C-alpha cells in the first residue's frame, strides 16, 4: 500500500482507486495509449 500511496502523491492522481489492466477491460474500460503502470509487490 505504501508504494501506491507514494504513486498518488508523486504523480498527482485525483483518486486512490486501483485496478489491473484486465480488470479495466472486463469492466468495459480501456487504458490510454502511453499510460504507464505502477509496480506493486504482493506479499502473503
Protein backbone atom coordinates (compact mmCIF):
# COMPACT_ATOMS: atom_id res chain seq x y z
CA UNK A 1 0.00 0.00 0.00
CA UNK A 2 2.86 2.36 0.67
CA UNK A 3 4.00 2.08 -2.95
CA UNK A 4 0.53 3.01 -4.18
CA UNK A 5 0.19 5.92 -1.75
CA UNK A 6 3.58 7.18 -2.93
CA UNK A 7 2.44 6.95 -6.57
CA UNK A 8 -0.66 9.02 -5.78
CA UNK A 9 1.45 11.78 -4.25
CA UNK A 10 4.28 11.61 -6.79
CA UNK A 11 2.07 11.59 -9.88
CA UNK A 12 -0.71 13.80 -8.55
CA UNK A 13 -3.53 11.30 -9.10
CA UNK A 14 -7.01 12.54 -8.22
CA UNK A 15 -8.08 9.32 -6.50
CA UNK A 16 -6.78 6.23 -4.80
CA UNK A 17 -8.65 3.55 -6.74
CA UNK A 18 -6.54 0.91 -8.46
CA UNK A 19 -7.24 -1.93 -10.86
CA UNK A 20 -5.33 -4.16 -13.20
CA UNK A 21 -5.32 -3.85 -16.97
CA UNK A 22 -7.52 -6.93 -17.28
CA UNK A 23 -9.96 -5.63 -14.67
CA UNK A 24 -10.33 -2.42 -16.70
CA UNK A 25 -11.03 -4.41 -19.86
CA UNK A 26 -13.57 -6.67 -18.14
CA UNK A 27 -15.45 -3.60 -16.88
CA UNK A 28 -15.63 -2.17 -20.40
CA UNK A 29 -12.88 0.37 -19.83
CA UNK A 30 -9.59 0.93 -21.58
CA UNK A 31 -6.12 2.26 -20.96
CA UNK A 32 -4.96 5.32 -22.84
CA UNK A 33 -2.03 4.94 -25.19
CA UNK A 34 1.19 5.96 -23.47
CA UNK A 35 -0.08 5.35 -19.93
CA UNK A 36 2.30 3.56 -17.60
CA UNK A 37 1.70 1.18 -14.74
CA UNK A 38 2.88 1.26 -11.16
CA UNK A 39 4.92 -1.52 -9.60
CA UNK A 40 3.05 -3.47 -6.94
CA UNK A 41 4.53 -6.18 -4.75
CA UNK A 42 2.08 -8.69 -3.28
CA UNK A 43 3.11 -10.43 -0.06
CA UNK A 44 1.00 -13.03 1.67
